[in-house]
């Protein structure tokens, strides 16, 4: 397996990744056209982030898993009624889409967030953390296409369920170092609308 060569074409990278995925039981042989499109989207999204076939396979396995681990403090940032309803609305939005490629997420997620008074930056952060457990990564447009309808709905449902059970929506009062902790909150527009 080994490292990707910097002079390697995307076609060659896709071919090598498809072979490795097949060898590890992550892809059937022959690979259907939809799987090859998925690999192309993966390389577009993660090409600069993965330097070896092994890193690519680990990332593919994370994307193919039904769940992800959300770090405790990030989960606490999501512990607010507005975020819970926002994520649920994102799930409904995804469920209503026939195709997840090419969605105008910058616009649509901002509009959904506005309904709950959540700032766009906080909204995108909440979606990324709920879907990947990470605070950074490739564009959400690529992640939506890579995860697909079912995984997005399962992961959002798991985060919302975790938020509602146990302590409920009461956030922790203090974070690391004893600093006051604030989750993401929605805010009413100044005109009250």
N, C-alpha and C. Protein backbone atom coordinates (compact mmCIF):
# COMPACT_ATOMS: atom_id res chain seq x y z
N UNK A 1 0.85 -1.17 0.00
CA UNK A 1 0.00 0.00 0.00
C UNK A 1 0.89 1.23 0.00
N UNK A 2 1.06 1.91 1.14
CA UNK A 2 2.00 2.99 1.22
C UNK A 2 1.47 4.36 0.91
N UNK A 3 2.42 5.25 0.69
CA UNK A 3 2.10 6.67 0.50
C UNK A 3 1.58 6.94 -0.90
N UNK A 4 0.76 7.97 -1.00
CA UNK A 4 0.37 8.47 -2.31
C UNK A 4 1.54 9.27 -2.85
N UNK A 5 1.80 9.13 -4.10
CA UNK A 5 2.87 9.88 -4.76
C UNK A 5 2.31 11.24 -5.16
N UNK A 6 3.06 12.31 -4.86
CA UNK A 6 2.57 13.66 -5.17
C UNK A 6 2.36 13.86 -6.67
N UNK A 7 3.08 13.11 -7.52
CA UNK A 7 2.90 13.23 -8.96
C UNK A 7 1.83 12.32 -9.52
N UNK A 8 1.21 11.55 -8.65
CA UNK A 8 0.19 10.59 -9.06
C UNK A 8 -1.08 11.31 -9.49
N UNK A 9 -1.68 10.86 -10.57
CA UNK A 9 -2.93 11.46 -11.02
C UNK A 9 -4.06 11.06 -10.08
N UNK A 10 -5.13 11.84 -10.11
CA UNK A 10 -6.29 11.50 -9.27
C UNK A 10 -6.87 10.17 -9.71
N UNK A 11 -6.82 9.89 -10.99
CA UNK A 11 -7.31 8.60 -11.49
C UNK A 11 -6.51 7.46 -10.86
N UNK A 12 -5.19 7.60 -10.81
CA UNK A 12 -4.33 6.56 -10.23
C UNK A 12 -4.59 6.42 -8.74
N UNK A 13 -4.75 7.55 -8.05
CA UNK A 13 -5.08 7.49 -6.62
C UNK A 13 -6.41 6.77 -6.40
N UNK A 14 -7.39 7.10 -7.22
CA UNK A 14 -8.71 6.46 -7.10
C UNK A 14 -8.60 4.96 -7.35
N UNK A 15 -7.82 4.57 -8.35
CA UNK A 15 -7.64 3.14 -8.66
C UNK A 15 -6.99 2.42 -7.48
N UNK A 16 -5.93 3.01 -6.92
CA UNK A 16 -5.24 2.38 -5.79
C UNK A 16 -6.14 2.31 -4.55
N UNK A 17 -6.91 3.39 -4.31
CA UNK A 17 -7.81 3.39 -3.15
C UNK A 17 -8.91 2.36 -3.34
N UNK A 18 -9.46 2.25 -4.53
CA UNK A 18 -10.51 1.25 -4.80
C UNK A 18 -9.97 -0.16 -4.56
N UNK A 19 -8.75 -0.45 -5.00
CA UNK A 19 -8.15 -1.76 -4.77
C UNK A 19 -7.99 -2.03 -3.28
N UNK A 20 -7.51 -1.03 -2.55
CA UNK A 20 -7.32 -1.20 -1.10
C UNK A 20 -8.66 -1.38 -0.39
N UNK A 21 -9.65 -0.61 -0.80
CA UNK A 21 -10.97 -0.75 -0.18
C UNK A 21 -11.55 -2.14 -0.44
N UNK A 22 -11.35 -2.65 -1.64
CA UNK A 22 -11.82 -4.00 -1.97
C UNK A 22 -11.09 -5.03 -1.12
N UNK A 23 -9.76 -4.89 -1.00
CA UNK A 23 -8.97 -5.83 -0.21
C UNK A 23 -9.37 -5.83 1.27
N UNK A 24 -9.88 -4.70 1.76
CA UNK A 24 -10.27 -4.58 3.18
C UNK A 24 -11.78 -4.75 3.39
N UNK A 25 -12.48 -5.20 2.38
CA UNK A 25 -13.91 -5.47 2.52
C UNK A 25 -14.78 -4.22 2.58
N UNK A 26 -14.25 -3.08 2.12
CA UNK A 26 -15.02 -1.84 2.14
C UNK A 26 -15.68 -1.53 0.80
N UNK A 27 -15.41 -2.40 -0.20
CA UNK A 27 -15.93 -2.16 -1.54
C UNK A 27 -16.04 -3.49 -2.26
N UNK A 28 -17.16 -3.70 -2.93
CA UNK A 28 -17.34 -4.94 -3.68
C UNK A 28 -16.60 -4.84 -5.02
N UNK A 29 -16.41 -6.02 -5.63
CA UNK A 29 -15.72 -6.07 -6.92
C UNK A 29 -16.62 -6.79 -7.90
N UNK A 30 -16.87 -6.24 -9.05
CA UNK A 30 -16.39 -4.95 -9.54
C UNK A 30 -17.14 -3.80 -8.85
N UNK A 31 -16.44 -2.69 -8.71
CA UNK A 31 -17.02 -1.53 -8.03
C UNK A 31 -18.09 -0.90 -8.91
N UNK A 32 -19.29 -0.67 -8.36
CA UNK A 32 -20.33 0.01 -9.14
C UNK A 32 -19.97 1.47 -9.40
N UNK A 33 -20.59 2.05 -10.40
CA UNK A 33 -20.31 3.43 -10.79
C UNK A 33 -20.52 4.39 -9.62
N UNK A 34 -21.55 4.16 -8.82
CA UNK A 34 -21.82 5.04 -7.67
C UNK A 34 -20.66 5.01 -6.68
N UNK A 35 -20.05 3.84 -6.48
CA UNK A 35 -18.91 3.72 -5.56
C UNK A 35 -17.70 4.46 -6.11
N UNK A 36 -17.51 4.42 -7.41
CA UNK A 36 -16.38 5.14 -8.02
C UNK A 36 -16.59 6.65 -7.90
N UNK A 37 -17.85 7.11 -8.03
CA UNK A 37 -18.15 8.54 -7.81
C UNK A 37 -17.87 8.91 -6.36
N UNK A 38 -18.23 8.01 -5.43
CA UNK A 38 -17.98 8.24 -4.01
C UNK A 38 -16.48 8.40 -3.76
N UNK A 39 -15.67 7.52 -4.36
CA UNK A 39 -14.21 7.60 -4.19
C UNK A 39 -13.69 8.91 -4.76
N UNK A 40 -14.20 9.33 -5.90
CA UNK A 40 -13.77 10.60 -6.49
C UNK A 40 -14.12 11.77 -5.56
N UNK A 41 -15.32 11.74 -4.98
CA UNK A 41 -15.73 12.78 -4.03
C UNK A 41 -14.83 12.74 -2.80
N UNK A 42 -14.51 11.55 -2.33
CA UNK A 42 -13.62 11.39 -1.18
C UNK A 42 -12.26 12.02 -1.46
N UNK A 43 -11.70 11.72 -2.61
CA UNK A 43 -10.37 12.27 -2.95
C UNK A 43 -10.43 13.78 -3.13
N UNK A 44 -11.54 14.28 -3.64
CA UNK A 44 -11.70 15.73 -3.77
C UNK A 44 -11.73 16.38 -2.38
N UNK A 45 -12.44 15.73 -1.46
CA UNK A 45 -12.61 16.29 -0.11
C UNK A 45 -11.38 16.07 0.78
N UNK A 46 -10.78 14.89 0.71
CA UNK A 46 -9.73 14.51 1.65
C UNK A 46 -8.35 14.35 1.01
N UNK A 47 -8.23 14.59 -0.28
CA UNK A 47 -6.98 14.35 -0.98
C UNK A 47 -5.76 14.98 -0.34
N UNK A 48 -5.88 16.19 0.15
CA UNK A 48 -4.75 16.87 0.80
C UNK A 48 -4.57 16.43 2.24
N UNK A 49 -5.59 15.83 2.83
CA UNK A 49 -5.54 15.47 4.25
C UNK A 49 -4.98 14.07 4.48
N UNK A 50 -5.07 13.21 3.48
CA UNK A 50 -4.57 11.84 3.63
C UNK A 50 -3.35 11.66 2.74
N UNK A 51 -2.26 11.23 3.33
CA UNK A 51 -1.00 11.09 2.60
C UNK A 51 -0.71 9.64 2.23
N UNK A 52 -1.39 8.70 2.91
CA UNK A 52 -1.13 7.29 2.65
C UNK A 52 -2.45 6.55 2.43
N UNK A 53 -2.34 5.38 1.83
CA UNK A 53 -3.51 4.52 1.66
C UNK A 53 -4.08 4.16 3.03
N UNK A 54 -3.22 3.91 4.00
CA UNK A 54 -3.68 3.54 5.34
C UNK A 54 -4.51 4.66 5.97
N UNK A 55 -4.05 5.91 5.83
CA UNK A 55 -4.82 7.05 6.34
C UNK A 55 -6.16 7.15 5.61
N UNK A 56 -6.13 6.95 4.30
CA UNK A 56 -7.37 7.01 3.52
C UNK A 56 -8.34 5.93 3.98
N UNK A 57 -7.85 4.71 4.18
CA UNK A 57 -8.73 3.62 4.62
C UNK A 57 -9.33 3.90 6.00
N UNK A 58 -8.54 4.46 6.90
CA UNK A 58 -9.05 4.80 8.23
C UNK A 58 -10.15 5.85 8.13
N UNK A 59 -9.95 6.84 7.27
CA UNK A 59 -10.95 7.90 7.09
C UNK A 59 -12.20 7.34 6.42
N UNK A 60 -12.03 6.47 5.44
CA UNK A 60 -13.18 5.83 4.78
C UNK A 60 -13.98 5.04 5.80
N UNK A 61 -13.29 4.29 6.66
CA UNK A 61 -13.98 3.50 7.68
C UNK A 61 -14.77 4.41 8.63
N UNK A 62 -14.19 5.56 9.01
CA UNK A 62 -14.91 6.52 9.87
C UNK A 62 -16.17 7.03 9.17
N UNK A 63 -16.05 7.34 7.89
CA UNK A 63 -17.21 7.85 7.15
C UNK A 63 -18.27 6.78 6.96
N UNK A 64 -17.87 5.54 6.85
CA UNK A 64 -18.82 4.44 6.63
C UNK A 64 -19.48 3.96 7.92
N UNK A 65 -18.93 4.35 9.07
CA UNK A 65 -19.50 3.93 10.35
C UNK A 65 -20.85 4.62 10.56
N UNK A 66 -21.73 3.97 11.29
CA UNK A 66 -23.04 4.56 11.56
C UNK A 66 -22.97 5.67 12.59
N UNK A 67 -21.92 5.70 13.38
CA UNK A 67 -21.83 6.72 14.42
C UNK A 67 -20.41 7.28 14.48
N UNK A 68 -20.28 8.36 15.22
CA UNK A 68 -18.97 8.95 15.47
C UNK A 68 -18.93 9.36 16.93
N UNK A 69 -17.73 9.51 17.44
CA UNK A 69 -17.55 9.92 18.83
C UNK A 69 -17.45 11.44 18.89
N UNK A 70 -18.37 12.06 19.62
CA UNK A 70 -18.34 13.51 19.79
C UNK A 70 -17.65 13.80 21.11
N UNK A 71 -16.54 14.56 21.09
CA UNK A 71 -15.85 14.88 22.36
C UNK A 71 -16.81 15.55 23.35
N UNK A 72 -16.58 15.28 24.62
CA UNK A 72 -17.49 15.74 25.68
C UNK A 72 -17.75 17.24 25.65
N UNK A 73 -16.70 18.06 25.53
CA UNK A 73 -16.92 19.52 25.53
C UNK A 73 -17.68 19.98 24.28
N UNK A 74 -17.44 19.32 23.15
CA UNK A 74 -18.19 19.68 21.95
C UNK A 74 -19.66 19.31 22.10
N UNK A 75 -19.91 18.17 22.73
CA UNK A 75 -21.30 17.78 23.00
C UNK A 75 -21.95 18.80 23.93
N UNK A 76 -21.21 19.29 24.90
CA UNK A 76 -21.75 20.30 25.81
C UNK A 76 -22.09 21.59 25.07
N UNK A 77 -21.29 21.94 24.07
CA UNK A 77 -21.58 23.16 23.29
C UNK A 77 -22.92 23.03 22.56
N UNK A 78 -23.33 21.80 22.25
CA UNK A 78 -24.59 21.57 21.53
C UNK A 78 -25.78 21.46 22.47
N UNK A 79 -25.55 21.48 23.76
CA UNK A 79 -26.60 21.22 24.75
C UNK A 79 -27.48 22.45 24.96
N UNK A 80 -28.33 22.70 23.98
CA UNK A 80 -29.30 23.80 24.06
C UNK A 80 -30.51 23.44 23.21
N UNK A 81 -31.66 23.84 23.67
CA UNK A 81 -32.92 23.52 22.99
C UNK A 81 -32.90 23.96 21.52
N UNK A 82 -32.37 25.18 21.27
CA UNK A 82 -32.36 25.70 19.90
C UNK A 82 -31.50 24.82 19.00
N UNK A 83 -30.36 24.35 19.51
CA UNK A 83 -29.47 23.51 18.72
C UNK A 83 -30.13 22.16 18.44
N UNK A 84 -30.77 21.61 19.45
CA UNK A 84 -31.49 20.35 19.29
C UNK A 84 -32.53 20.46 18.19
N UNK A 85 -33.33 21.51 18.21
CA UNK A 85 -34.37 21.71 17.19
C UNK A 85 -33.74 22.00 15.83
N UNK A 86 -32.65 22.76 15.82
CA UNK A 86 -31.95 23.05 14.57
C UNK A 86 -31.45 21.75 13.93
N UNK A 87 -30.76 20.91 14.72
CA UNK A 87 -30.24 19.65 14.17
C UNK A 87 -31.37 18.76 13.68
N UNK A 88 -32.47 18.73 14.41
CA UNK A 88 -33.62 17.94 13.97
C UNK A 88 -34.14 18.47 12.63
N UNK A 89 -34.17 19.78 12.47
CA UNK A 89 -34.62 20.38 11.20
C UNK A 89 -33.65 20.07 10.07
N UNK A 90 -32.36 20.04 10.37
CA UNK A 90 -31.37 19.65 9.35
C UNK A 90 -31.63 18.21 8.92
N UNK A 91 -31.94 17.34 9.88
CA UNK A 91 -32.28 15.96 9.54
C UNK A 91 -33.50 15.88 8.63
N UNK A 92 -34.53 16.68 8.92
CA UNK A 92 -35.72 16.70 8.06
C UNK A 92 -35.39 17.23 6.67
N UNK A 93 -34.53 18.24 6.61
CA UNK A 93 -34.08 18.81 5.34
C UNK A 93 -33.37 17.74 4.51
N UNK A 94 -32.45 17.01 5.14
CA UNK A 94 -31.71 15.95 4.44
C UNK A 94 -32.67 14.86 3.98
N UNK A 95 -33.58 14.47 4.84
CA UNK A 95 -34.52 13.40 4.51
C UNK A 95 -35.39 13.75 3.30
N UNK A 96 -35.64 15.03 3.08
CA UNK A 96 -36.50 15.46 1.97
C UNK A 96 -35.73 15.62 0.65
N UNK A 97 -34.40 15.49 0.68
CA UNK A 97 -33.60 15.71 -0.53
C UNK A 97 -33.42 14.41 -1.30
N UNK A 98 -33.75 14.41 -2.59
CA UNK A 98 -33.53 13.19 -3.38
C UNK A 98 -32.04 12.93 -3.62
N UNK A 99 -31.23 13.98 -3.67
CA UNK A 99 -29.80 13.89 -3.95
C UNK A 99 -29.06 14.86 -3.04
N UNK A 100 -27.96 14.40 -2.46
CA UNK A 100 -27.21 15.25 -1.53
C UNK A 100 -26.03 15.97 -2.18
N UNK A 101 -25.73 15.64 -3.41
CA UNK A 101 -24.65 16.34 -4.11
C UNK A 101 -25.15 17.68 -4.61
N UNK A 102 -24.31 18.69 -4.45
CA UNK A 102 -24.62 19.99 -5.02
C UNK A 102 -25.68 20.79 -4.29
N UNK A 103 -25.98 20.44 -3.06
CA UNK A 103 -26.97 21.21 -2.30
C UNK A 103 -26.39 22.59 -1.96
N UNK A 104 -27.21 23.62 -1.97
CA UNK A 104 -26.73 24.96 -1.58
C UNK A 104 -26.70 25.09 -0.05
N UNK A 105 -25.80 24.35 0.60
CA UNK A 105 -25.80 24.27 2.06
C UNK A 105 -25.48 25.60 2.73
N UNK A 106 -24.60 26.40 2.13
CA UNK A 106 -24.29 27.70 2.73
C UNK A 106 -25.57 28.48 2.95
N UNK A 107 -26.40 28.51 1.96
CA UNK A 107 -27.68 29.24 2.05
C UNK A 107 -28.68 28.50 2.93
N UNK A 108 -28.90 27.22 2.62
CA UNK A 108 -29.98 26.48 3.28
C UNK A 108 -29.76 26.29 4.77
N UNK A 109 -28.54 25.91 5.17
CA UNK A 109 -28.28 25.72 6.61
C UNK A 109 -28.36 27.05 7.35
N UNK A 110 -27.91 28.12 6.71
CA UNK A 110 -28.02 29.45 7.35
C UNK A 110 -29.48 29.83 7.55
N UNK A 111 -30.32 29.53 6.56
CA UNK A 111 -31.75 29.84 6.69
C UNK A 111 -32.42 29.00 7.78
N UNK A 112 -32.07 27.73 7.85
CA UNK A 112 -32.63 26.88 8.91
C UNK A 112 -32.17 27.41 10.27
N UNK A 113 -30.90 27.76 10.38
CA UNK A 113 -30.36 28.28 11.64
C UNK A 113 -31.04 29.58 12.05
N UNK A 114 -31.33 30.42 11.07
CA UNK A 114 -31.97 31.71 11.36
C UNK A 114 -33.31 31.51 12.06
N UNK A 115 -34.02 30.45 11.69
CA UNK A 115 -35.32 30.14 12.32
C UNK A 115 -35.18 29.96 13.83
N UNK A 116 -33.99 29.53 14.27
CA UNK A 116 -33.77 29.26 15.69
C UNK A 116 -32.84 30.30 16.33
N UNK A 117 -32.53 31.36 15.58
CA UNK A 117 -31.69 32.43 16.09
C UNK A 117 -30.23 32.05 16.26
N UNK A 118 -29.80 31.03 15.54
CA UNK A 118 -28.42 30.55 15.65
C UNK A 118 -27.57 31.21 14.57
N UNK A 119 -26.42 31.73 14.95
CA UNK A 119 -25.51 32.36 14.00
C UNK A 119 -25.01 31.31 13.00
N UNK A 120 -24.82 31.69 11.74
CA UNK A 120 -24.38 30.71 10.73
C UNK A 120 -23.11 29.95 11.13
N UNK A 121 -22.12 30.64 11.68
CA UNK A 121 -20.88 29.95 12.09
C UNK A 121 -21.14 28.87 13.13
N UNK A 122 -22.00 29.19 14.11
CA UNK A 122 -22.36 28.20 15.13
C UNK A 122 -23.15 27.04 14.52
N UNK A 123 -24.00 27.36 13.56
CA UNK A 123 -24.81 26.32 12.91
C UNK A 123 -23.93 25.34 12.14
N UNK A 124 -22.99 25.86 11.36
CA UNK A 124 -22.10 24.98 10.61
C UNK A 124 -21.23 24.16 11.55
N UNK A 125 -20.79 24.77 12.64
CA UNK A 125 -20.01 24.05 13.64
C UNK A 125 -20.84 22.90 14.23
N UNK A 126 -22.07 23.19 14.60
CA UNK A 126 -22.94 22.17 15.21
C UNK A 126 -23.16 21.00 14.25
N UNK A 127 -23.41 21.29 12.99
CA UNK A 127 -23.63 20.22 12.01
C UNK A 127 -22.36 19.39 11.83
N UNK A 128 -21.22 20.05 11.68
CA UNK A 128 -19.96 19.32 11.48
C UNK A 128 -19.66 18.42 12.68
N UNK A 129 -19.80 18.95 13.89
CA UNK A 129 -19.52 18.16 15.09
C UNK A 129 -20.50 17.00 15.21
N UNK A 130 -21.77 17.23 14.95
CA UNK A 130 -22.76 16.16 15.04
C UNK A 130 -22.48 15.06 14.01
N UNK A 131 -21.99 15.43 12.85
CA UNK A 131 -21.78 14.44 11.78
C UNK A 131 -20.43 13.75 11.83
N UNK A 132 -19.40 14.44 12.39
CA UNK A 132 -18.06 13.86 12.34
C UNK A 132 -17.38 13.77 13.69
N UNK A 133 -17.86 14.51 14.69
CA UNK A 133 -17.18 14.58 15.97
C UNK A 133 -15.95 15.47 15.92
N UNK A 134 -15.74 16.14 14.80
CA UNK A 134 -14.56 16.98 14.63
C UNK A 134 -14.98 18.43 14.39
N UNK A 135 -14.06 19.34 14.69
CA UNK A 135 -14.36 20.76 14.52
C UNK A 135 -13.88 21.29 13.18
N UNK A 136 -13.06 20.53 12.48
CA UNK A 136 -12.55 20.95 11.18
C UNK A 136 -12.64 19.79 10.21
N UNK A 137 -12.57 20.12 8.94
CA UNK A 137 -12.60 19.08 7.93
C UNK A 137 -12.99 19.65 6.59
N UNK A 138 -13.30 18.77 5.66
CA UNK A 138 -13.68 19.22 4.32
C UNK A 138 -15.01 19.94 4.33
N UNK A 139 -15.35 20.60 3.24
CA UNK A 139 -16.63 21.30 3.17
C UNK A 139 -17.82 20.37 3.47
N UNK A 140 -18.84 20.94 4.10
CA UNK A 140 -20.03 20.14 4.41
C UNK A 140 -20.68 19.58 3.16
N UNK A 141 -20.57 20.29 2.04
CA UNK A 141 -21.15 19.80 0.78
C UNK A 141 -20.56 18.43 0.43
N UNK A 142 -19.27 18.27 0.63
CA UNK A 142 -18.63 16.97 0.36
C UNK A 142 -19.04 15.95 1.43
N UNK A 143 -19.07 16.36 2.69
CA UNK A 143 -19.44 15.44 3.77
C UNK A 143 -20.85 14.89 3.59
N UNK A 144 -21.79 15.75 3.20
CA UNK A 144 -23.16 15.28 3.00
C UNK A 144 -23.20 14.20 1.93
N UNK A 145 -22.49 14.41 0.83
CA UNK A 145 -22.47 13.42 -0.25
C UNK A 145 -21.77 12.15 0.19
N UNK A 146 -20.71 12.26 0.99
CA UNK A 146 -19.97 11.07 1.43
C UNK A 146 -20.73 10.27 2.48
N UNK A 147 -21.42 10.95 3.38
CA UNK A 147 -22.14 10.25 4.44
C UNK A 147 -23.45 9.65 3.94
N UNK A 148 -24.16 10.38 3.11
CA UNK A 148 -25.44 9.89 2.60
C UNK A 148 -26.58 10.10 3.59
N UNK A 149 -27.79 9.93 3.09
CA UNK A 149 -29.00 10.17 3.88
C UNK A 149 -29.01 9.41 5.20
N UNK A 150 -28.85 8.10 5.13
CA UNK A 150 -29.04 7.27 6.32
C UNK A 150 -28.04 7.61 7.42
N UNK A 151 -26.76 7.72 7.07
CA UNK A 151 -25.77 8.02 8.10
C UNK A 151 -25.98 9.40 8.71
N UNK A 152 -26.35 10.37 7.89
CA UNK A 152 -26.60 11.71 8.44
C UNK A 152 -27.75 11.64 9.44
N UNK A 153 -28.84 10.98 9.07
CA UNK A 153 -29.99 10.89 9.97
C UNK A 153 -29.66 10.11 11.24
N UNK A 154 -28.90 9.04 11.10
CA UNK A 154 -28.52 8.24 12.26
C UNK A 154 -27.63 9.06 13.20
N UNK A 155 -26.64 9.76 12.63
CA UNK A 155 -25.70 10.52 13.47
C UNK A 155 -26.37 11.70 14.15
N UNK A 156 -27.23 12.41 13.43
CA UNK A 156 -27.97 13.52 14.07
C UNK A 156 -28.90 12.97 15.15
N UNK A 157 -29.58 11.88 14.85
CA UNK A 157 -30.46 11.26 15.83
C UNK A 157 -29.72 10.82 17.09
N UNK A 158 -28.51 10.28 16.90
CA UNK A 158 -27.72 9.83 18.05
C UNK A 158 -27.30 11.00 18.93
N UNK A 159 -26.87 12.10 18.30
CA UNK A 159 -26.47 13.27 19.08
C UNK A 159 -27.67 13.84 19.82
N UNK A 160 -28.80 13.99 19.14
CA UNK A 160 -29.99 14.53 19.80
C UNK A 160 -30.45 13.63 20.93
N UNK A 161 -30.40 12.34 20.73
CA UNK A 161 -30.79 11.40 21.79
C UNK A 161 -29.85 11.53 22.99
N UNK A 162 -28.57 11.64 22.72
CA UNK A 162 -27.60 11.78 23.80
C UNK A 162 -27.82 13.08 24.57
N UNK A 163 -28.18 14.14 23.86
CA UNK A 163 -28.43 15.42 24.52
C UNK A 163 -29.67 15.35 25.41
N UNK A 164 -30.68 14.66 24.96
CA UNK A 164 -31.94 14.63 25.70
C UNK A 164 -31.92 13.68 26.90
N UNK A 165 -31.12 12.63 26.82
CA UNK A 165 -31.10 11.66 27.91
C UNK A 165 -29.97 11.97 28.88
N UNK A 166 -30.10 11.46 30.06
CA UNK A 166 -29.09 11.77 31.08
C UNK A 166 -29.42 13.10 31.73
N UNK A 167 -28.56 14.08 31.55
CA UNK A 167 -28.74 15.39 32.17
C UNK A 167 -29.75 16.26 31.45
N UNK A 168 -30.15 15.88 30.27
CA UNK A 168 -31.07 16.73 29.52
C UNK A 168 -30.35 17.92 28.93
N UNK A 169 -31.03 19.04 28.86
CA UNK A 169 -30.48 20.22 28.19
C UNK A 169 -29.81 21.21 29.14
N UNK A 170 -29.53 20.80 30.36
CA UNK A 170 -28.84 21.68 31.31
C UNK A 170 -27.34 21.57 31.08
N UNK A 171 -26.72 22.65 30.56
CA UNK A 171 -25.28 22.56 30.27
C UNK A 171 -24.44 22.62 31.55
N UNK A 172 -23.18 22.24 31.41
CA UNK A 172 -22.27 22.35 32.54
C UNK A 172 -22.06 23.84 32.83
N UNK A 173 -21.78 24.16 34.07
CA UNK A 173 -21.60 25.57 34.44
C UNK A 173 -20.19 26.06 34.15
N UNK A 174 -19.21 25.18 34.31
CA UNK A 174 -17.82 25.58 34.15
C UNK A 174 -17.08 24.59 33.26
N UNK A 175 -16.20 25.11 32.44
CA UNK A 175 -15.39 24.29 31.55
C UNK A 175 -14.02 24.05 32.15
N UNK A 176 -13.08 23.60 31.32
CA UNK A 176 -11.71 23.37 31.80
C UNK A 176 -11.12 24.65 32.41
N UNK A 177 -10.40 24.49 33.46
CA UNK A 177 -9.77 25.64 34.11
C UNK A 177 -10.73 26.48 34.93
N UNK A 178 -11.97 26.01 35.11
CA UNK A 178 -12.94 26.73 35.92
C UNK A 178 -13.58 27.92 35.24
N UNK A 179 -13.36 28.06 33.94
CA UNK A 179 -13.96 29.17 33.19
C UNK A 179 -15.46 28.92 33.00
N UNK A 180 -16.29 29.96 33.11
CA UNK A 180 -17.73 29.77 32.83
C UNK A 180 -17.92 29.20 31.42
N UNK A 181 -18.84 28.27 31.30
CA UNK A 181 -19.06 27.57 30.03
C UNK A 181 -20.40 27.96 29.45
N UNK A 182 -20.42 28.28 28.18
CA UNK A 182 -21.67 28.62 27.48
C UNK A 182 -21.82 27.74 26.26
N UNK A 183 -22.95 27.07 26.13
CA UNK A 183 -23.20 26.32 24.89
C UNK A 183 -23.60 27.29 23.78
N UNK A 184 -23.79 26.75 22.61
CA UNK A 184 -24.31 27.55 21.50
C UNK A 184 -25.75 27.92 21.85
N UNK A 185 -26.11 29.18 21.70
CA UNK A 185 -27.47 29.62 21.97
C UNK A 185 -28.04 30.33 20.77
N UNK A 186 -29.32 30.25 20.63
CA UNK A 186 -30.01 31.07 19.64
C UNK A 186 -30.37 32.40 20.28
N UNK A 187 -30.48 33.41 19.46
CA UNK A 187 -30.83 34.75 19.96
C UNK A 187 -31.94 35.31 19.11
N UNK A 188 -32.90 35.93 19.77
CA UNK A 188 -33.98 36.59 19.03
C UNK A 188 -33.45 37.79 18.30
N UNK A 189 -33.93 38.03 17.09
CA UNK A 189 -33.52 39.24 16.39
C UNK A 189 -33.92 40.49 17.20
N UNK A 190 -33.18 41.59 17.06
CA UNK A 190 -33.46 42.80 17.84
C UNK A 190 -34.90 43.32 17.69
N UNK A 191 -35.51 43.11 16.52
CA UNK A 191 -36.86 43.62 16.33
C UNK A 191 -37.93 42.69 16.90
N UNK A 192 -37.49 41.55 17.50
CA UNK A 192 -38.44 40.66 18.14
C UNK A 192 -39.11 39.68 17.21
N UNK A 193 -38.74 39.68 15.93
CA UNK A 193 -39.37 38.76 14.97
C UNK A 193 -38.65 37.45 14.93
